[in-house]
Amino acid sequence: MRNLGVKVSMYLNYFVFAILLNSVGIVILKSQNIYGVNEVTASTLELFKDIPIAIVSFLIASFLPRIGYKKSMLIGLFLVTLGCVQMYFSNSFMGARILFATVGVSFALIKISVYSMIGLVVNNQHEHNSMMSSIEGVFMIGIALAYFLFPAFNNESEPNSWLNVYWLLAAISAISFIILLNIKFDEGHEIPGVNLADDAKQMMLLMAKLLVLVFIVSTFFYVMVEQGIMSWLPTFNSRVLKLPENVGIMMASILAISLAIGRLAAGVITKHFSWFYVVSFSMLIAMAIVVFVLPKTVNIKPVEINSLADIPLIGYVFPVIGLFIAPIYPLLSSAILSVLPKKLHSPMTGLIVIFSALGGTLGSRIIGWLFKNMGAGKAFYFLLIPMGLLIISFFILKNLTAKAARTAEIKV
């Protein structure tokens, strides 16, 4: 298969960071229970993760092709290995902040490299849509695994036992580093500008394009929704469903599994249907789940719960929202990248990562504030606002991407 080694490397590295990056919801819960911080303070872990992603993406995305995608991914894997080791020894909320800052810096390098390389290994928009969705699907499988890895190491009678998971994560990162080091591939030679200053200029000029502007706003709102749910679902399970800590964490894996299935399925569905119809239908169903299912989940009668089997059926329905919000992010990203010249994929990915990070931080902070001031049962209703705005943005993006495809190339 063409570029098989490259594709395997991309999937593997994305999988490793999925486990680390999206353990933030679990660590938010542990920080409240072990380190004694409140909801708003705990939500700063999202900030320590996402702000470094945004800053690093802004500083290096435009000239990452000059550094080299392979070298950038190796740097990311090395840094995050060190971050995991320090988390074990520091065993503190500050150590958790340092960990997620390290993960944020490293993920910026990994994600920009992976998204930029997709354009080098596919032949058309349908292949781009399919691979983008499947890579994001593998990412969600990694997230789901995190919800089982952490409970596997967590012993509630030994408060520090959960930290042992970071030795495993450090080992996985080191193995990924070694595998990538031994893979050779052609990274392409298309560079945004004539020098570093011009590279940065190309990234800034992209933001002036209406298509790009609408897209990054859409990305911002989507990640606000996804990250808001993902980061606070373990706490929701604990406060509203009254689940034991380990059961609540494993229960949150249903969201990640739903996201994985949704994105893998989208990779198949978009071979036959336009991305616009897929994302529009998906968002309408997601909004219906918030409106009709969430209230029933909140009003579940308290029962003694010691395992997943004890949870009432309705408790499993709300996390299935992941199945419907899943296709949106990769399909929107693919829609714009596939109509841009390959030399602009790296700076465009930088913008995707920046606004994803900002949306994730704001979403988690808002939900954290709502959890504290309005109660866990009402916080998620806020998400209907960005969901409604996303529906509007889909129609605008459909017209703008169609126009861009007709011109074959956006010149900046």
Protein backbone atom coordinates (compact mmCIF):
# COMPACT_ATOMS: atom_id res chain seq x y z
CA MET A 1 0.00 0.00 0.00
CA ARG A 2 1.26 3.46 -0.92
CA ASN A 3 2.88 5.34 1.98
CA LEU A 4 1.88 2.59 4.43
CA GLY A 5 4.73 3.33 6.84
CA VAL A 6 3.90 7.03 6.91
CA LYS A 7 0.23 6.38 7.57
CA VAL A 8 0.96 3.90 10.38
CA SER A 9 3.25 6.47 12.02
CA MET A 10 0.61 9.18 11.78
CA TYR A 11 -2.07 6.97 13.32
CA LEU A 12 0.22 5.75 16.11
CA ASN A 13 1.43 9.19 17.19
CA TYR A 14 -2.08 10.61 17.15
CA PHE A 15 -3.24 7.65 19.24
CA VAL A 16 -0.55 8.23 21.90
CA PHE A 17 -1.47 11.88 22.30
CA ALA A 18 -5.18 11.10 22.44
CA ILE A 19 -4.64 9.23 25.70
CA LEU A 20 -2.56 12.01 27.23
CA LEU A 21 -4.35 15.07 25.95
CA ASN A 22 -7.83 14.01 26.87
CA SER A 23 -7.06 12.63 30.30
CA VAL A 24 -7.65 16.23 31.41
CA GLY A 25 -11.23 15.48 32.49
CA ILE A 26 -10.00 12.64 34.67
CA VAL A 27 -7.22 14.77 36.20
CA ILE A 28 -9.72 17.60 36.81
CA LEU A 29 -11.76 15.17 38.91
CA LYS A 30 -8.66 13.80 40.70
CA SER A 31 -7.41 17.34 41.39
CA GLN A 32 -10.65 18.17 43.18
CA ASN A 33 -10.61 14.93 45.18
CA ILE A 34 -6.89 14.67 45.99
CA TYR A 35 -5.32 18.12 45.72
CA GLY A 36 -8.34 19.92 47.19
CA VAL A 37 -8.87 22.54 44.44
CA ASN A 38 -12.32 23.85 43.49
CA GLU A 39 -14.08 23.50 40.12
CA VAL A 40 -12.89 26.81 38.65
CA THR A 41 -9.27 26.24 39.70
CA ALA A 42 -9.35 22.67 38.40
CA SER A 43 -10.59 23.93 35.03
CA THR A 44 -7.29 25.83 34.60
CA LEU A 45 -5.74 22.50 33.57
CA GLU A 46 -7.59 22.99 30.29
CA LEU A 47 -5.97 26.41 30.00
CA PHE A 48 -2.49 25.03 30.72
CA LYS A 49 -3.09 22.47 27.96
CA ASP A 50 -4.67 24.68 25.33
CA ILE A 51 -2.79 27.98 25.62
CA PRO A 52 0.60 26.34 24.87
CA ILE A 53 -1.07 24.62 21.90
CA ALA A 54 -2.26 27.99 20.61
CA ILE A 55 1.04 29.81 21.24
CA VAL A 56 3.25 27.11 19.72
CA SER A 57 0.93 26.73 16.72
CA PHE A 58 1.01 30.49 16.12
CA LEU A 59 4.80 30.67 16.37
CA ILE A 60 5.84 27.65 14.31
CA ALA A 61 2.96 26.48 12.07
CA SER A 62 3.88 28.61 9.07
CA PHE A 63 7.48 27.42 8.88
CA LEU A 64 7.11 23.87 10.24
CA PRO A 65 7.82 22.48 6.73
CA ARG A 66 11.30 24.00 7.02
CA ILE A 67 11.87 22.21 10.35
CA GLY A 68 10.55 18.92 8.98
CA TYR A 69 7.44 17.00 10.00
CA LYS A 70 9.35 13.94 11.22
CA LYS A 71 11.74 15.98 13.35
CA SER A 72 8.84 17.95 14.83
CA MET A 73 6.98 14.79 15.84
CA LEU A 74 10.13 13.32 17.40
CA ILE A 75 10.58 16.47 19.50
CA GLY A 76 6.95 16.25 20.64
CA LEU A 77 7.26 12.59 21.68
CA PHE A 78 10.50 13.27 23.59
CA LEU A 79 9.04 16.20 25.53
CA VAL A 80 5.88 14.38 26.53
CA THR A 81 7.87 11.38 27.78
CA LEU A 82 9.68 13.73 30.17
CA GLY A 83 6.36 15.33 31.14
CA CYS A 84 4.89 11.98 32.22
CA VAL A 85 7.90 11.16 34.37
CA GLN A 86 7.80 14.52 36.16
CA MET A 87 4.08 14.08 36.90
CA TYR A 88 4.80 10.87 38.79
CA PHE A 89 7.50 12.43 40.95
CA SER A 90 5.84 15.82 41.52
CA ASN A 91 2.41 14.40 42.56
CA SER A 92 0.85 17.87 42.82
CA PHE A 93 -1.59 20.17 41.09
CA MET A 94 1.35 22.23 39.84
CA GLY A 95 2.86 19.03 38.43
CA ALA A 96 -0.43 18.40 36.60
CA ARG A 97 -0.24 21.93 35.15
CA ILE A 98 3.33 21.31 33.97
CA LEU A 99 2.29 17.98 32.45
CA PHE A 100 -0.54 19.47 30.42
CA ALA A 101 1.60 22.44 29.34
CA THR A 102 4.16 19.93 28.02
CA VAL A 103 1.43 17.88 26.36
CA GLY A 104 0.06 21.06 24.76
CA VAL A 105 3.40 22.10 23.28
CA SER A 106 4.05 18.59 22.00
CA PHE A 107 0.57 18.09 20.55
CA ALA A 108 0.86 21.30 18.55
CA LEU A 109 3.91 19.82 16.83
CA ILE A 110 2.21 16.46 16.28
CA LYS A 111 -1.14 17.73 15.02
CA ILE A 112 0.23 20.29 12.56
CA SER A 113 2.59 17.65 11.19
CA VAL A 114 -0.13 14.99 10.83
CA TYR A 115 -2.73 17.30 9.26
CA SER A 116 -0.16 18.71 6.82
CA MET A 117 1.05 15.24 5.83
CA ILE A 118 -2.44 13.98 4.97
CA GLY A 119 -2.37 16.17 1.86
CA LEU A 120 0.87 14.45 0.80
CA VAL A 121 -0.52 10.89 0.92
CA VAL A 122 -4.02 11.25 -0.60
CA ASN A 123 -5.17 11.92 -4.16
CA ASN A 124 -8.53 13.71 -3.93
CA GLN A 125 -11.10 15.32 -1.61
CA HIS A 126 -13.00 12.09 -0.88
CA GLU A 127 -9.75 10.37 0.19
CA HIS A 128 -8.90 13.44 2.27
CA ASN A 129 -12.31 13.38 3.99
CA SER A 130 -11.99 9.65 4.65
CA MET A 131 -8.46 9.71 6.06
CA MET A 132 -9.12 12.81 8.18
CA SER A 133 -12.17 11.14 9.71
CA SER A 134 -10.40 7.83 10.32
CA ILE A 135 -7.39 9.50 11.96
CA GLU A 136 -9.71 11.46 14.24
CA GLY A 137 -11.56 8.21 14.89
CA VAL A 138 -8.35 6.52 16.04
CA PHE A 139 -7.77 9.60 18.22
CA MET A 140 -11.10 8.95 19.92
CA ILE A 141 -10.23 5.28 20.44
CA GLY A 142 -7.18 6.52 22.33
CA ILE A 143 -9.41 8.76 24.42
CA ALA A 144 -11.71 5.83 25.22
CA LEU A 145 -8.71 3.76 26.28
CA ALA A 146 -7.69 6.52 28.70
CA TYR A 147 -10.98 6.10 30.58
CA PHE A 148 -10.07 2.46 31.26
CA LEU A 149 -6.32 2.91 31.78
CA PHE A 150 -6.67 5.37 34.64
CA PRO A 151 -9.25 3.33 36.62
CA ALA A 152 -7.07 0.24 36.11
CA PHE A 153 -4.29 1.95 38.07
CA ASN A 154 -6.59 3.74 40.53
CA ASN A 155 -7.09 2.27 43.99
CA GLU A 156 -9.30 4.50 46.12
CA SER A 157 -7.69 3.14 49.31
CA GLU A 158 -4.27 4.28 48.00
CA PRO A 159 -4.60 7.92 46.85
CA ASN A 160 -1.29 7.94 44.90
CA SER A 161 -1.78 4.65 43.03
CA TRP A 162 -3.23 6.34 39.94
CA LEU A 163 0.11 8.05 39.25
CA ASN A 164 1.61 4.72 38.15
CA VAL A 165 -0.25 5.12 34.85
CA TYR A 166 2.29 7.78 33.89
CA TRP A 167 5.09 5.21 33.75
CA LEU A 168 3.06 3.29 31.17
CA LEU A 169 2.31 6.46 29.20
CA ALA A 170 5.99 7.46 29.26
CA ALA A 171 6.90 4.00 27.93
CA ILE A 172 4.32 4.19 25.10
CA SER A 173 5.63 7.63 24.09
CA ALA A 174 9.23 6.35 24.10
CA ILE A 175 8.28 3.36 21.94
CA SER A 176 6.48 5.64 19.49
CA PHE A 177 9.62 7.79 19.34
CA ILE A 178 11.77 4.77 18.42
CA ILE A 179 9.32 3.55 15.75
CA LEU A 180 9.08 6.99 14.13
CA LEU A 181 12.86 7.42 14.22
CA ASN A 182 13.23 4.36 11.97
CA ILE A 183 10.60 5.33 9.37
CA LYS A 184 11.74 7.12 6.24
CA PHE A 185 9.40 9.17 4.06
CA ASP A 186 9.32 12.05 1.60
CA GLU A 187 7.95 15.09 3.42
CA GLY A 188 7.41 17.12 0.26
CA HIS A 189 9.07 20.40 -0.60
CA GLU A 190 6.24 22.92 -0.73
CA ILE A 191 6.94 25.83 1.63
CA PRO A 192 4.49 28.72 2.25
CA GLY A 193 6.84 31.67 1.64
CA VAL A 194 10.33 32.57 0.48
CA ASN A 195 11.70 32.92 4.03
CA LEU A 196 10.60 32.67 7.67
CA ALA A 197 9.13 36.18 7.73
CA ASP A 198 7.15 35.49 4.55
CA ASP A 199 5.97 32.14 5.99
CA ALA A 200 4.42 33.99 8.94
CA LYS A 201 2.93 36.57 6.57
CA GLN A 202 1.16 33.83 4.59
CA MET A 203 -0.47 32.58 7.80
CA MET A 204 -1.69 36.08 8.67
CA LEU A 205 -3.03 36.66 5.16
CA LEU A 206 -5.01 33.43 5.36
CA MET A 207 -7.03 34.90 8.21
CA ALA A 208 -8.19 37.72 5.95
CA LYS A 209 -10.00 35.26 3.67
CA LEU A 210 -13.73 34.98 4.37
CA LEU A 211 -13.68 31.19 3.91
CA VAL A 212 -10.88 30.79 6.45
CA LEU A 213 -12.47 33.26 8.88
CA VAL A 214 -15.83 31.45 8.88
CA PHE A 215 -14.07 28.11 9.24
CA ILE A 216 -11.95 29.07 12.26
CA VAL A 217 -15.01 30.53 13.99
CA SER A 218 -16.82 27.23 13.32
CA THR A 219 -13.86 25.28 14.70
CA PHE A 220 -13.88 27.47 17.81
CA PHE A 221 -17.56 26.76 18.49
CA TYR A 222 -17.29 23.04 17.78
CA VAL A 223 -14.38 22.45 20.15
CA MET A 224 -16.19 24.53 22.77
CA VAL A 225 -19.01 21.95 22.59
CA GLU A 226 -16.87 18.81 22.44
CA GLN A 227 -14.35 19.80 25.08
CA GLY A 228 -17.00 21.24 27.36
CA ILE A 229 -18.74 17.87 27.46
CA MET A 230 -15.62 15.71 27.50
CA SER A 231 -13.78 17.58 30.26
CA TRP A 232 -16.75 17.72 32.62
CA LEU A 233 -18.57 14.45 31.96
CA PRO A 234 -16.63 12.58 34.71
CA THR A 235 -17.63 15.30 37.19
CA PHE A 236 -21.24 15.22 35.87
CA ASN A 237 -21.32 11.47 36.43
CA SER A 238 -20.05 11.93 39.97
CA ARG A 239 -22.32 14.84 40.97
CA VAL A 240 -25.56 14.06 39.11
CA LEU A 241 -25.58 10.29 38.68
CA LYS A 242 -23.80 9.79 42.05
CA LEU A 243 -21.40 7.26 40.55
CA PRO A 244 -18.32 6.00 42.39
CA GLU A 245 -15.13 7.61 41.04
CA ASN A 246 -13.87 4.66 38.97
CA VAL A 247 -17.35 3.87 37.61
CA GLY A 248 -17.86 7.55 36.67
CA ILE A 249 -14.56 7.67 34.79
CA MET A 250 -15.31 4.44 32.90
CA MET A 251 -18.82 5.71 32.16
CA ALA A 252 -17.29 8.76 30.48
CA SER A 253 -15.59 6.38 28.04
CA ILE A 254 -18.97 5.91 26.34
CA LEU A 255 -18.63 9.45 25.01
CA ALA A 256 -15.16 8.73 23.63
CA ILE A 257 -16.26 5.42 22.11
CA SER A 258 -19.24 7.16 20.51
CA LEU A 259 -16.92 9.84 19.09
CA ALA A 260 -14.61 7.15 17.70
CA ILE A 261 -17.45 5.23 16.05
CA GLY A 262 -18.93 8.45 14.67
CA ARG A 263 -15.67 9.54 13.07
CA LEU A 264 -14.81 6.15 11.66
CA ALA A 265 -18.33 5.88 10.26
CA ALA A 266 -18.04 9.37 8.77
CA GLY A 267 -14.96 8.21 6.88
CA VAL A 268 -17.17 5.68 5.09
CA ILE A 269 -20.35 7.78 4.78
CA THR A 270 -18.61 10.76 3.17
CA LYS A 271 -17.55 8.56 0.27
CA HIS A 272 -21.23 8.61 -0.71
CA PHE A 273 -22.69 11.82 0.75
CA SER A 274 -21.63 15.45 0.88
CA TRP A 275 -19.94 16.55 4.11
CA PHE A 276 -22.56 19.31 4.41
CA TYR A 277 -25.50 16.90 4.75
CA VAL A 278 -23.58 14.69 7.19
CA VAL A 279 -22.64 17.52 9.59
CA SER A 280 -26.04 19.25 9.39
CA PHE A 281 -27.98 16.07 10.20
CA SER A 282 -25.52 15.18 12.97
CA MET A 283 -25.77 18.56 14.71
CA LEU A 284 -29.58 18.57 14.67
CA ILE A 285 -29.65 15.15 16.38
CA ALA A 286 -27.05 16.31 18.93
CA MET A 287 -29.20 19.32 19.82
CA ALA A 288 -32.23 17.07 20.21
CA ILE A 289 -30.31 14.89 22.68
CA VAL A 290 -29.47 17.94 24.83
CA VAL A 291 -33.08 19.16 24.77
CA PHE A 292 -34.90 15.85 25.32
CA VAL A 293 -32.46 13.35 26.88
CA LEU A 294 -30.42 15.50 29.28
CA PRO A 295 -33.41 16.44 31.50
CA LYS A 296 -34.31 12.77 31.94
CA THR A 297 -30.71 11.96 32.85
CA VAL A 298 -30.64 14.72 35.46
CA ASN A 299 -33.90 13.46 37.00
CA ILE A 300 -32.82 9.83 37.44
CA LYS A 301 -33.90 8.57 40.87
CA PRO A 302 -30.86 7.92 43.11
CA VAL A 303 -30.01 4.21 43.40
CA GLU A 304 -27.02 2.38 44.82
CA ILE A 305 -24.47 1.99 42.03
CA ASN A 306 -21.34 -0.14 42.33
CA SER A 307 -20.73 -1.08 38.70
CA LEU A 308 -21.68 -0.08 35.14
CA ALA A 309 -24.47 -2.69 35.20
CA ASP A 310 -26.25 -0.84 38.02
CA ILE A 311 -26.66 2.40 36.04
CA PRO A 312 -30.21 3.05 34.71
CA LEU A 313 -30.49 2.78 30.91
CA ILE A 314 -31.19 6.50 30.41
CA GLY A 315 -27.81 7.23 32.00
CA TYR A 316 -26.12 5.71 28.95
CA VAL A 317 -28.02 7.80 26.41
CA PHE A 318 -26.58 11.30 26.93
CA PRO A 319 -22.93 10.26 26.26
CA VAL A 320 -24.09 8.85 22.90
CA ILE A 321 -24.21 12.50 21.77
CA GLY A 322 -20.60 11.84 20.78
CA LEU A 323 -21.82 9.70 17.90
CA PHE A 324 -23.42 12.77 16.30
CA ILE A 325 -20.97 15.55 17.09
CA ALA A 326 -18.07 13.31 16.03
CA PRO A 327 -18.09 13.84 12.24
CA ILE A 328 -18.17 17.64 12.42
CA TYR A 329 -14.57 18.54 13.32
CA PRO A 330 -12.70 16.30 10.84
CA LEU A 331 -15.14 16.99 8.00
CA LEU A 332 -14.96 20.77 8.43
CA SER A 333 -11.15 20.56 8.58
CA SER A 334 -11.01 18.37 5.51
CA ALA A 335 -13.44 20.59 3.62
CA ILE A 336 -11.14 23.59 3.86
CA LEU A 337 -7.77 21.83 3.58
CA SER A 338 -8.84 20.01 0.43
CA VAL A 339 -9.53 23.31 -1.39
CA LEU A 340 -6.27 24.96 -0.31
CA PRO A 341 -2.89 24.51 -2.05
CA LYS A 342 -0.64 22.01 -0.24
CA LYS A 343 1.88 24.73 0.60
CA LEU A 344 -0.77 26.39 2.78
CA HIS A 345 -1.76 23.23 4.68
CA SER A 346 0.77 23.79 7.48
CA PRO A 347 -0.19 27.42 8.24
CA MET A 348 -3.90 26.55 7.86
CA THR A 349 -3.48 23.65 10.28
CA GLY A 350 -1.80 26.09 12.64
CA LEU A 351 -4.95 28.22 12.61
CA ILE A 352 -7.10 25.12 13.14
CA VAL A 353 -5.04 24.14 16.19
CA ILE A 354 -4.97 27.67 17.62
CA PHE A 355 -8.72 28.19 17.50
CA SER A 356 -9.40 24.62 18.59
CA ALA A 357 -7.27 25.26 21.68
CA LEU A 358 -8.98 28.57 22.42
CA GLY A 359 -12.44 27.04 21.95
CA GLY A 360 -11.56 24.11 24.19
CA THR A 361 -10.24 26.38 26.94
CA LEU A 362 -13.24 28.72 26.85
CA GLY A 363 -15.72 25.84 26.71
CA SER A 364 -14.19 24.08 29.70
CA ARG A 365 -13.91 27.30 31.73
CA ILE A 366 -17.53 28.26 31.04
CA ILE A 367 -18.84 24.81 31.89
CA GLY A 368 -16.67 24.80 35.03
CA TRP A 369 -18.16 28.15 36.08
CA LEU A 370 -21.68 26.88 35.38
CA PHE A 371 -21.03 23.69 37.34
CA LYS A 372 -20.03 25.78 40.35
CA ASN A 373 -22.68 28.51 40.14
CA MET A 374 -25.70 26.86 38.49
CA GLY A 375 -25.20 23.22 39.35
CA ALA A 376 -24.06 20.18 37.37
CA GLY A 377 -27.61 19.43 36.21
CA LYS A 378 -27.97 22.69 34.24
CA ALA A 379 -24.45 23.43 32.95
CA PHE A 380 -24.61 21.49 29.68
CA TYR A 381 -27.69 23.40 28.43
CA PHE A 382 -25.36 26.31 27.58
CA LEU A 383 -23.96 24.21 24.71
CA LEU A 384 -27.15 24.74 22.69
CA ILE A 385 -25.89 28.27 21.88
CA PRO A 386 -22.67 27.28 20.04
CA MET A 387 -24.54 24.33 18.48
CA GLY A 388 -27.09 26.70 16.94
CA LEU A 389 -24.35 28.99 15.64
CA LEU A 390 -22.63 26.00 14.05
CA ILE A 391 -25.75 25.15 12.04
CA ILE A 392 -25.63 28.65 10.53
CA SER A 393 -21.90 28.36 9.78
CA PHE A 394 -22.40 25.09 7.85
CA PHE A 395 -24.54 26.84 5.23
CA ILE A 396 -22.00 29.64 4.80
CA LEU A 397 -19.08 27.21 4.53
CA LYS A 398 -20.90 25.08 1.97
CA ASN A 399 -21.17 28.03 -0.41
CA LEU A 400 -17.65 29.32 0.22
CA THR A 401 -15.92 25.94 -0.22
CA ALA A 402 -17.88 25.27 -3.42
CA LYS A 403 -16.71 28.61 -4.78
CA ALA A 404 -13.11 27.91 -3.75
CA ALA A 405 -13.21 24.48 -5.39
CA ARG A 406 -14.39 26.03 -8.65
CA THR A 407 -11.44 28.41 -8.71
CA ALA A 408 -9.15 25.42 -7.93
CA GLU A 409 -6.76 27.53 -5.83
CA ILE A 410 -6.95 30.30 -3.24
CA LYS A 411 -4.24 32.85 -3.81
CA VAL A 412 -2.91 34.86 -0.93
